[in-house]
Amino acid sequence: MINTINISLPSQMKSEADKLVASGHYASFSDLARTAIRKLVESKYEMWIREAKADYKSGKTVALETPEEISAYLSKFSK
C-alpha cells in the first residue's frame, strides 16, 4: 500500500534535496525521503542491537534456551 503525504520544508532544505535529486543521487524526492526514513529506522534498530550486545557482555541478560524457560520467564509478567 502506498500512502501520499504532504510535508513542509525550509527553503534551504528543499533546495539541497532538489540538488541531490538533480545530481542523480536519488530518482525523486520521494526516493530521497524513503531512503532517509529507512536509514533512521535502521539506525534505531542498530542502536538496540548495540545496547543488547553491551548488556549481554556485562552479564545483564539471561539466555532462555528451552520453551519451558521462556514460559517460566514470561509468567513473571502475567501476574
C-alpha atoms as a PDB file:
ATOM      1  CA  MET A   1       0.000   0.000   0.000  1.00  0.00           C
ATOM      2  CA  ILE A   2       1.302   3.443  -0.914  1.00  0.00           C
ATOM      3  CA  ASN A   3       0.441   6.475   1.206  1.00  0.00           C
ATOM      4  CA  THR A   4       0.844  10.005  -0.026  1.00  0.00           C
ATOM      5  CA  ILE A   5       1.782  12.720   2.448  1.00  0.00           C
ATOM      6  CA  ASN A   6       2.495  16.428   2.261  1.00  0.00           C
ATOM      7  CA  ILE A   7       5.394  17.937   4.177  1.00  0.00           C
ATOM      8  CA  SER A   8       6.667  21.447   4.746  1.00  0.00           C
ATOM      9  CA  LEU A   9      10.396  22.108   4.463  1.00  0.00           C
ATOM     10  CA  PRO A  10      12.545  25.164   4.943  1.00  0.00           C
ATOM     11  CA  SER A  11      13.636  26.585   1.573  1.00  0.00           C
ATOM     12  CA  GLN A  12      17.288  25.653   2.086  1.00  0.00           C
ATOM     13  CA  MET A  13      16.431  22.030   2.891  1.00  0.00           C
ATOM     14  CA  LYS A  14      14.189  21.742  -0.176  1.00  0.00           C
ATOM     15  CA  SER A  15      16.922  23.287  -2.317  1.00  0.00           C
ATOM     16  CA  GLU A  16      19.502  20.777  -1.043  1.00  0.00           C
ATOM     17  CA  ALA A  17      17.073  17.913  -1.656  1.00  0.00           C
ATOM     18  CA  ASP A  18      16.452  19.140  -5.199  1.00  0.00           C
ATOM     19  CA  LYS A  19      20.217  19.253  -5.814  1.00  0.00           C
ATOM     20  CA  LEU A  20      20.594  15.641  -4.649  1.00  0.00           C
ATOM     21  CA  VAL A  21      17.828  14.524  -6.992  1.00  0.00           C
ATOM     22  CA  ALA A  22      19.148  16.609  -9.914  1.00  0.00           C
ATOM     23  CA  SER A  23      22.659  15.199  -9.463  1.00  0.00           C
ATOM     24  CA  GLY A  24      21.321  11.659  -9.726  1.00  0.00           C
ATOM     25  CA  HIS A  25      21.827  10.563  -6.136  1.00  0.00           C
ATOM     26  CA  TYR A  26      18.086   9.813  -5.900  1.00  0.00           C
ATOM     27  CA  ALA A  27      15.454   9.087  -8.534  1.00  0.00           C
ATOM     28  CA  SER A  28      12.987  11.519  -6.980  1.00  0.00           C
ATOM     29  CA  PHE A  29      12.235  13.478  -3.847  1.00  0.00           C
ATOM     30  CA  SER A  30      10.097  10.541  -2.684  1.00  0.00           C
ATOM     31  CA  ASP A  31      13.066   8.217  -3.120  1.00  0.00           C
ATOM     32  CA  LEU A  32      15.233  10.569  -1.060  1.00  0.00           C
ATOM     33  CA  ALA A  33      12.602  10.782   1.709  1.00  0.00           C
ATOM     34  CA  ARG A  34      12.082   6.988   1.794  1.00  0.00           C
ATOM     35  CA  THR A  35      15.836   6.425   1.994  1.00  0.00           C
ATOM     36  CA  ALA A  36      16.248   8.961   4.797  1.00  0.00           C
ATOM     37  CA  ILE A  37      13.402   7.450   6.829  1.00  0.00           C
ATOM     38  CA  ARG A  38      14.682   3.906   6.224  1.00  0.00           C
ATOM     39  CA  LYS A  39      18.136   4.912   7.481  1.00  0.00           C
ATOM     40  CA  LEU A  40      16.656   6.458  10.621  1.00  0.00           C
ATOM     41  CA  VAL A  41      14.631   3.335  11.349  1.00  0.00           C
ATOM     42  CA  GLU A  42      17.619   1.059  10.711  1.00  0.00           C
ATOM     43  CA  SER A  43      19.832   3.180  12.969  1.00  0.00           C
ATOM     44  CA  LYS A  44      17.274   2.803  15.763  1.00  0.00           C
ATOM     45  CA  TYR A  45      17.420  -0.980  15.446  1.00  0.00           C
ATOM     46  CA  GLU A  46      21.207  -0.912  15.232  1.00  0.00           C
ATOM     47  CA  MET A  47      21.262   1.104  18.491  1.00  0.00           C
ATOM     48  CA  TRP A  48      19.053  -1.522  20.167  1.00  0.00           C
ATOM     49  CA  ILE A  49      21.372  -4.270  18.920  1.00  0.00           C
ATOM     50  CA  ARG A  50      24.436  -2.451  20.304  1.00  0.00           C
ATOM     51  CA  GLU A  51      22.673  -1.983  23.662  1.00  0.00           C
ATOM     52  CA  ALA A  52      21.652  -5.651  23.764  1.00  0.00           C
ATOM     53  CA  LYS A  53      25.203  -6.771  22.992  1.00  0.00           C
ATOM     54  CA  ALA A  54      26.591  -4.485  25.707  1.00  0.00           C
ATOM     55  CA  ASP A  55      24.039  -5.828  28.201  1.00  0.00           C
ATOM     56  CA  TYR A  56      24.984  -9.383  27.241  1.00  0.00           C
ATOM     57  CA  LYS A  57      28.707  -8.718  27.657  1.00  0.00           C
ATOM     58  CA  SER A  58      28.141  -7.092  31.057  1.00  0.00           C
ATOM     59  CA  GLY A  59      26.060 -10.034  32.289  1.00  0.00           C
ATOM     60  CA  LYS A  60      22.767  -8.148  32.444  1.00  0.00           C
ATOM     61  CA  THR A  61      20.943 -10.690  30.272  1.00  0.00           C
ATOM     62  CA  VAL A  62      19.625 -14.207  30.709  1.00  0.00           C
ATOM     63  CA  ALA A  63      19.709 -16.778  27.925  1.00  0.00           C
ATOM     64  CA  LEU A  64      16.407 -18.637  27.611  1.00  0.00           C
ATOM     65  CA  GLU A  65      17.060 -21.803  25.673  1.00  0.00           C
ATOM     66  CA  THR A  66      14.005 -24.008  26.051  1.00  0.00           C
ATOM     67  CA  PRO A  67      10.270 -23.409  25.709  1.00  0.00           C
ATOM     68  CA  GLU A  68       9.933 -24.129  29.410  1.00  0.00           C
ATOM     69  CA  GLU A  69      12.482 -21.464  30.324  1.00  0.00           C
ATOM     70  CA  ILE A  70      10.699 -18.977  28.098  1.00  0.00           C
ATOM     71  CA  SER A  71       7.301 -19.791  29.593  1.00  0.00           C
ATOM     72  CA  ALA A  72       8.656 -19.531  33.150  1.00  0.00           C
ATOM     73  CA  TYR A  73      10.247 -16.168  32.371  1.00  0.00           C
ATOM     74  CA  LEU A  74       7.121 -14.753  30.706  1.00  0.00           C
ATOM     75  CA  SER A  75       4.888 -15.982  33.524  1.00  0.00           C
ATOM     76  CA  LYS A  76       6.618 -13.465  35.815  1.00  0.00           C
ATOM     77  CA  PHE A  77       4.952 -10.672  33.827  1.00  0.00           C
ATOM     78  CA  SER A  78       1.452 -12.085  33.611  1.00  0.00           C
ATOM     79  CA  LYS A  79       0.689 -11.928  37.332  1.00  0.00           C
END
